[in-house]
C-alpha atoms as a PDB file:
ATOM      1  CA  MET A   1     -29.099  21.539  60.716  1.00  0.00           C
ATOM      2  CA  ILE A   2     -29.193  18.779  63.320  1.00  0.00           C
ATOM      3  CA  SER A   3     -29.339  20.017  66.871  1.00  0.00           C
ATOM      4  CA  ARG A   4     -26.358  18.778  68.613  1.00  0.00           C
ATOM      5  CA  THR A   5     -25.155  17.939  72.435  1.00  0.00           C
ATOM      6  CA  SER A   6     -21.934  19.567  73.682  1.00  0.00           C
ATOM      7  CA  GLY A   7     -20.077  16.318  72.447  1.00  0.00           C
ATOM      8  CA  GLY A   8     -21.250  17.009  68.869  1.00  0.00           C
ATOM      9  CA  LEU A   9     -23.795  14.090  68.666  1.00  0.00           C
ATOM     10  CA  PRO A  10     -26.994  14.690  67.299  1.00  0.00           C
ATOM     11  CA  ALA A  11     -29.359  15.687  70.321  1.00  0.00           C
ATOM     12  CA  ALA A  12     -32.312  13.250  69.131  1.00  0.00           C
ATOM     13  CA  ALA A  13     -30.391  10.131  67.587  1.00  0.00           C
ATOM     14  CA  PRO A  14     -33.021   7.102  67.316  1.00  0.00           C
ATOM     15  CA  LEU A  15     -32.608   4.661  69.941  1.00  0.00           C
ATOM     16  CA  GLY A  16     -30.186   1.779  69.021  1.00  0.00           C
ATOM     17  CA  CYS A  17     -28.603   3.676  65.974  1.00  0.00           C
ATOM     18  CA  LYS A  18     -25.041   4.418  65.731  1.00  0.00           C
ATOM     19  CA  TYR A  19     -23.960   7.948  64.767  1.00  0.00           C
ATOM     20  CA  ASN A  20     -22.539   7.990  61.435  1.00  0.00           C
ATOM     21  CA  MET A  21     -21.236  11.539  60.086  1.00  0.00           C
ATOM     22  CA  ASP A  22     -21.641  10.164  56.522  1.00  0.00           C
ATOM     23  CA  GLN A  23     -25.465   9.936  57.055  1.00  0.00           C
ATOM     24  CA  GLU A  24     -25.594  13.260  58.802  1.00  0.00           C
ATOM     25  CA  ASN A  25     -23.722  14.932  55.764  1.00  0.00           C
ATOM     26  CA  GLN A  26     -26.223  13.130  53.203  1.00  0.00           C
ATOM     27  CA  SER A  27     -29.232  14.158  55.217  1.00  0.00           C
ATOM     28  CA  ASP A  28     -27.801  17.935  55.354  1.00  0.00           C
ATOM     29  CA  ARG A  29     -27.176  17.620  51.564  1.00  0.00           C
ATOM     30  CA  ILE A  30     -30.766  16.216  50.842  1.00  0.00           C
ATOM     31  CA  LEU A  31     -32.276  19.037  53.145  1.00  0.00           C
ATOM     32  CA  SER A  32     -30.415  21.681  51.323  1.00  0.00           C
ATOM     33  CA  LEU A  33     -31.126  20.047  47.583  1.00  0.00           C
ATOM     34  CA  LEU A  34     -34.714  20.202  49.009  1.00  0.00           C
ATOM     35  CA  ARG A  35     -34.747  23.904  50.266  1.00  0.00           C
ATOM     36  CA  GLU A  36     -33.127  24.762  46.811  1.00  0.00           C
ATOM     37  CA  ALA A  37     -35.786  23.033  44.868  1.00  0.00           C
ATOM     38  CA  GLN A  38     -38.555  24.612  46.905  1.00  0.00           C
ATOM     39  CA  SER A  39     -37.242  27.935  46.405  1.00  0.00           C
ATOM     40  CA  LEU A  40     -36.742  27.453  42.277  1.00  0.00           C
ATOM     41  CA  ALA A  41     -40.461  25.957  42.553  1.00  0.00           C
ATOM     42  CA  GLU A  42     -41.802  28.906  44.176  1.00  0.00           C
ATOM     43  CA  LYS A  43     -40.191  31.458  42.309  1.00  0.00           C
ATOM     44  CA  SER A  44     -40.581  29.939  38.996  1.00  0.00           C
ATOM     45  CA  LEU A  45     -43.904  27.879  38.913  1.00  0.00           C
ATOM     46  CA  GLY A  46     -45.813  29.270  41.941  1.00  0.00           C
ATOM     47  CA  ILE A  47     -45.559  25.853  43.762  1.00  0.00           C
ATOM     48  CA  GLY A  48     -45.552  26.664  47.440  1.00  0.00           C
ATOM     49  CA  ASN A  49     -45.223  23.255  48.643  1.00  0.00           C
ATOM     50  CA  ILE A  50     -43.087  20.759  46.501  1.00  0.00           C
ATOM     51  CA  LEU A  51     -44.153  18.227  49.376  1.00  0.00           C
ATOM     52  CA  GLN A  52     -47.762  18.501  48.827  1.00  0.00           C
ATOM     53  CA  PRO A  53     -49.129  15.039  48.021  1.00  0.00           C
ATOM     54  CA  GLY A  54     -48.680  14.440  44.133  1.00  0.00           C
ATOM     55  CA  ILE A  55     -47.343  17.575  42.957  1.00  0.00           C
ATOM     56  CA  ILE A  56     -44.173  16.192  41.714  1.00  0.00           C
ATOM     57  CA  LYS A  57     -46.028  13.529  39.695  1.00  0.00           C
ATOM     58  CA  GLU A  58     -48.434  16.567  38.281  1.00  0.00           C
ATOM     59  CA  LEU A  59     -45.121  18.648  37.561  1.00  0.00           C
ATOM     60  CA  ILE A  60     -43.566  15.703  35.539  1.00  0.00           C
ATOM     61  CA  MET A  61     -46.998  15.036  33.893  1.00  0.00           C
ATOM     62  CA  ALA A  62     -47.237  18.662  32.596  1.00  0.00           C
ATOM     63  CA  SER A  63     -43.488  18.678  31.506  1.00  0.00           C
ATOM     64  CA  VAL A  64     -44.206  15.693  29.355  1.00  0.00           C
ATOM     65  CA  LEU A  65     -47.562  17.232  27.906  1.00  0.00           C
ATOM     66  CA  GLY A  66     -46.298  20.600  27.529  1.00  0.00           C
ATOM     67  CA  HIS A  67     -48.988  22.053  29.899  1.00  0.00           C
ATOM     68  CA  GLN A  68     -48.923  24.731  32.527  1.00  0.00           C
ATOM     69  CA  LEU A  69     -49.204  23.289  36.089  1.00  0.00           C
ATOM     70  CA  ILE A  70     -51.695  24.900  38.350  1.00  0.00           C
ATOM     71  CA  PRO A  71     -50.314  24.338  41.692  1.00  0.00           C
ATOM     72  CA  ARG A  72     -53.448  24.846  43.883  1.00  0.00           C
ATOM     73  CA  LYS A  73     -55.497  22.161  45.606  1.00  0.00           C
ATOM     74  CA  ASP A  74     -58.840  23.829  44.523  1.00  0.00           C
ATOM     75  CA  MET A  75     -58.184  24.242  41.017  1.00  0.00           C
ATOM     76  CA  PRO A  76     -57.529  21.747  38.053  1.00  0.00           C
ATOM     77  CA  ASP A  77     -54.234  20.726  37.847  1.00  0.00           C
ATOM     78  CA  ALA A  78     -52.996  22.067  34.504  1.00  0.00           C
ATOM     79  CA  ARG A  79     -53.936  24.220  31.547  1.00  0.00           C
ATOM     80  CA  ASP A  80     -52.791  24.208  27.964  1.00  0.00           C
ATOM     81  CA  SER A  81     -52.049  27.103  25.495  1.00  0.00           C
ATOM     82  CA  ASP A  82     -55.827  27.526  24.526  1.00  0.00           C
ATOM     83  CA  GLY A  83     -56.701  27.632  28.186  1.00  0.00           C
ATOM     84  CA  ASN A  84     -58.276  24.035  28.556  1.00  0.00           C
ATOM     85  CA  THR A  85     -57.995  22.701  31.975  1.00  0.00           C
ATOM     86  CA  TYR A  86     -57.276  19.155  32.947  1.00  0.00           C
ATOM     87  CA  GLU A  87     -57.090  17.106  35.750  1.00  0.00           C
ATOM     88  CA  TYR A  88     -54.173  14.482  36.652  1.00  0.00           C
ATOM     89  CA  LEU A  89     -54.352  11.327  38.426  1.00  0.00           C
ATOM     90  CA  ALA A  90     -51.087   9.375  38.969  1.00  0.00           C
ATOM     91  CA  SER A  91     -50.404   5.786  40.611  1.00  0.00           C
ATOM     92  CA  ILE A  92     -47.339   3.676  40.713  1.00  0.00           C
ATOM     93  CA  ASN A  93     -47.657   0.494  38.878  1.00  0.00           C
ATOM     94  CA  ARG A  94     -47.283  -2.229  41.397  1.00  0.00           C
ATOM     95  CA  ILE A  95     -45.634  -5.166  39.499  1.00  0.00           C
ATOM     96  CA  GLU A  96     -43.327  -6.816  42.145  1.00  0.00           C
ATOM     97  CA  VAL A  97     -45.769  -7.532  44.688  1.00  0.00           C
ATOM     98  CA  THR A  98     -47.923 -10.783  45.473  1.00  0.00           C
ATOM     99  CA  THR A  99     -51.276  -8.782  45.843  1.00  0.00           C
ATOM    100  CA  ASN A 100     -52.843  -5.676  44.350  1.00  0.00           C
ATOM    101  CA  LYS A 101     -50.736  -5.689  41.421  1.00  0.00           C
ATOM    102  CA  GLY A 102     -51.315  -2.886  38.989  1.00  0.00           C
ATOM    103  CA  CYS A 103     -52.440   0.570  39.665  1.00  0.00           C
ATOM    104  CA  SER A 104     -55.569   2.559  40.606  1.00  0.00           C
ATOM    105  CA  PHE A 105     -56.401   6.154  40.638  1.00  0.00           C
ATOM    106  CA  GLN A 106     -58.761   7.868  42.902  1.00  0.00           C
ATOM    107  CA  ILE A 107     -60.993  11.286  43.288  1.00  0.00           C
ATOM    108  CA  ASP A 108     -61.656  11.945  46.729  1.00  0.00           C
ATOM    109  CA  ARG A 109     -64.751  13.243  48.390  1.00  0.00           C
ATOM    110  CA  VAL A 110     -67.151  13.394  45.351  1.00  0.00           C
ATOM    111  CA  THR A 111     -70.505  14.299  45.767  1.00  0.00           C
ATOM    112  CA  LYS A 112     -73.491  14.926  43.412  1.00  0.00           C
ATOM    113  CA  ASN A 113     -73.273  18.842  44.387  1.00  0.00           C
ATOM    114  CA  ASN A 114     -69.475  19.099  43.583  1.00  0.00           C
ATOM    115  CA  LEU A 115     -69.526  17.440  40.076  1.00  0.00           C
ATOM    116  CA  THR A 116     -67.923  20.878  38.585  1.00  0.00           C
ATOM    117  CA  ARG A 117     -64.555  19.266  39.917  1.00  0.00           C
ATOM    118  CA  ILE A 118     -65.173  16.973  36.909  1.00  0.00           C
ATOM    119  CA  THR A 119     -66.916  18.832  34.315  1.00  0.00           C
ATOM    120  CA  ARG A 120     -64.482  22.006  34.568  1.00  0.00           C
ATOM    121  CA  ASN A 121     -61.958  19.888  32.671  1.00  0.00           C
ATOM    122  CA  LYS A 122     -61.673  19.231  28.843  1.00  0.00           C
ATOM    123  CA  ALA A 123     -60.133  15.770  29.686  1.00  0.00           C
ATOM    124  CA  PHE A 124     -58.491  13.687  32.380  1.00  0.00           C
ATOM    125  CA  TYR A 125     -54.703  12.301  32.132  1.00  0.00           C
ATOM    126  CA  PHE A 126     -53.776   9.155  34.359  1.00  0.00           C
ATOM    127  CA  GLY A 127     -49.948   8.723  34.618  1.00  0.00           C
ATOM    128  CA  ILE A 128     -48.685   5.384  35.352  1.00  0.00           C
ATOM    129  CA  PHE A 129     -45.360   5.620  37.197  1.00  0.00           C
ATOM    130  CA  LYS A 130     -42.699   3.171  37.533  1.00  0.00           C
ATOM    131  CA  THR A 131     -41.253   4.649  40.415  1.00  0.00           C
ATOM    132  CA  HIS A 132     -41.965   7.880  42.384  1.00  0.00           C
ATOM    133  CA  LEU A 133     -40.216   9.910  39.690  1.00  0.00           C
ATOM    134  CA  GLU A 134     -40.306   7.574  36.675  1.00  0.00           C
ATOM    135  CA  LEU A 135     -43.042   8.008  34.326  1.00  0.00           C
ATOM    136  CA  ASP A 136     -44.137   5.030  32.437  1.00  0.00           C
ATOM    137  CA  GLU A 137     -47.440   6.012  30.206  1.00  0.00           C
ATOM    138  CA  ILE A 138     -50.033   8.646  30.342  1.00  0.00           C
ATOM    139  CA  TRP A 139     -53.465   7.926  29.186  1.00  0.00           C
ATOM    140  CA  ARG A 140     -56.210  10.470  28.267  1.00  0.00           C
ATOM    141  CA  ILE A 141     -59.828  10.063  28.624  1.00  0.00           C
ATOM    142  CA  ASP A 142     -62.303  12.867  27.872  1.00  0.00           C
ATOM    143  CA  THR A 143     -64.467  14.209  30.493  1.00  0.00           C
ATOM    144  CA  ASP A 144     -67.960  12.705  29.352  1.00  0.00           C
ATOM    145  CA  ALA A 145     -66.543   9.167  30.084  1.00  0.00           C
ATOM    146  CA  ILE A 146     -65.030  10.163  33.305  1.00  0.00           C
ATOM    147  CA  LEU A 147     -68.508  11.712  34.412  1.00  0.00           C
ATOM    148  CA  GLN A 148     -70.313   8.635  33.345  1.00  0.00           C
ATOM    149  CA  GLU A 149     -68.222   6.422  35.497  1.00  0.00           C
ATOM    150  CA  VAL A 150     -68.371   8.951  38.428  1.00  0.00           C
ATOM    151  CA  ASN A 151     -72.098   9.052  38.284  1.00  0.00           C
ATOM    152  CA  ARG A 152     -72.158   5.208  37.944  1.00  0.00           C
ATOM    153  CA  GLN A 153     -70.233   4.883  41.147  1.00  0.00           C
ATOM    154  CA  LEU A 154     -72.109   7.544  43.111  1.00  0.00           C
ATOM    155  CA  SER A 155     -75.605   5.679  42.322  1.00  0.00           C
ATOM    156  CA  ARG A 156     -73.938   2.665  44.043  1.00  0.00           C
ATOM    157  CA  CYS A 157     -72.607   4.513  46.907  1.00  0.00           C
ATOM    158  CA  LYS A 158     -74.401   4.207  50.127  1.00  0.00           C
ATOM    159  CA  ASN A 159     -72.682   7.360  51.483  1.00  0.00           C
ATOM    160  CA  GLU A 160     -73.320  10.822  50.291  1.00  0.00           C
ATOM    161  CA  ILE A 161     -69.629  11.543  49.922  1.00  0.00           C
ATOM    162  CA  ALA A 162     -67.809   8.881  47.572  1.00  0.00           C
ATOM    163  CA  HIS A 163     -63.975   8.454  46.640  1.00  0.00           C
ATOM    164  CA  VAL A 164     -64.315   7.215  43.125  1.00  0.00           C
ATOM    165  CA  ASN A 165     -61.857   4.642  41.738  1.00  0.00           C
ATOM    166  CA  PHE A 166     -60.458   4.055  38.369  1.00  0.00           C
ATOM    167  CA  LEU A 167     -58.663   0.623  37.817  1.00  0.00           C
ATOM    168  CA  SER A 168     -55.816   0.757  35.360  1.00  0.00           C
ATOM    169  CA  LYS A 169     -57.939  -1.814  33.341  1.00  0.00           C
ATOM    170  CA  TRP A 170     -60.716   0.566  32.762  1.00  0.00           C
ATOM    171  CA  VAL A 171     -58.430   3.426  32.181  1.00  0.00           C
ATOM    172  CA  LYS A 172     -56.757   1.341  29.451  1.00  0.00           C
ATOM    173  CA  GLU A 173     -60.066   0.161  27.799  1.00  0.00           C
ATOM    174  CA  THR A 174     -61.570   3.557  27.791  1.00  0.00           C
ATOM    175  CA  GLY A 175     -58.841   5.794  27.206  1.00  0.00           C
ATOM    176  CA  GLU A 176     -56.036   6.670  24.768  1.00  0.00           C
ATOM    177  CA  ARG A 177     -52.425   6.398  25.435  1.00  0.00           C
ATOM    178  CA  VAL A 178     -50.590   9.671  24.815  1.00  0.00           C
ATOM    179  CA  TYR A 179     -47.099   8.835  26.146  1.00  0.00           C
ATOM    180  CA  PRO A 180     -45.300   7.142  25.054  1.00  0.00           C
ATOM    181  CA  ASP A 181     -46.739   7.537  21.589  1.00  0.00           C
ATOM    182  CA  ALA A 182     -45.677   5.393  18.500  1.00  0.00           C
ATOM    183  CA  SER A 183     -42.831   7.626  17.554  1.00  0.00           C
ATOM    184  CA  GLN A 184     -41.678   7.459  21.126  1.00  0.00           C
ATOM    185  CA  GLN A 185     -41.712   3.537  21.197  1.00  0.00           C
ATOM    186  CA  VAL A 186     -38.503   1.622  21.274  1.00  0.00           C
ATOM    187  CA  ALA A 187     -38.683  -1.056  18.567  1.00  0.00           C
ATOM    188  CA  PRO A 188     -38.467  -4.626  19.923  1.00  0.00           C
ATOM    189  CA  ALA A 189     -34.790  -6.054  19.432  1.00  0.00           C
ATOM    190  CA  ALA A 190     -34.848  -8.165  16.111  1.00  0.00           C
ATOM    191  CA  ALA A 191     -34.137 -11.774  16.410  1.00  0.00           C
ATOM    192  CA  PRO A 192     -30.720 -12.606  15.364  1.00  0.00           C
ATOM    193  CA  SER A 193     -30.363 -14.279  11.961  1.00  0.00           C
ATOM    194  CA  PRO A 194     -29.569 -17.826  11.654  1.00  0.00           C
ATOM    195  CA  ARG A 195     -26.040 -18.295  10.850  1.00  0.00           C
ATOM    196  CA  ARG A 196     -25.289 -19.883   7.509  1.00  0.00           C
END
């Protein structure tokens, strides 16, 4: 709830902003829905912080792939019904920009001593999103190919700790698209038949 002055206005309204009751009501509604979502996520999925970076995209990907989300930062992102674990990387596809079009993915703080972060997984899934909540595609790459690329980048890195990057071009050349699959594709509209 917004703290108020004795006149009923918000105590800390930004300078130059007009007080707007509709904005306050919308803010209260958004905060209420976030609290409700947090409570539901914690009770049903064990997600302690729905605002944790990446957790919502991971939740979307796990739902599509039929995996169980593992909501801990020090663990793989998900597991399947056979107990295999997976890492998810997600990025928004930037298409309406003049520079840095496309998307890239990153694994932070990789060293030669912590490669178990890579090898503990059966595969990696790369989610390409249209927006923060709209999934466009998922690509799967086996761990061997990921490990090979990580080692290649580590060998060229001047620092002991590296941030390993995967460009969408590499992901699409190396991986297999698993979502949408051929059965989920929308057929292109047929060209209109010529009139007689």
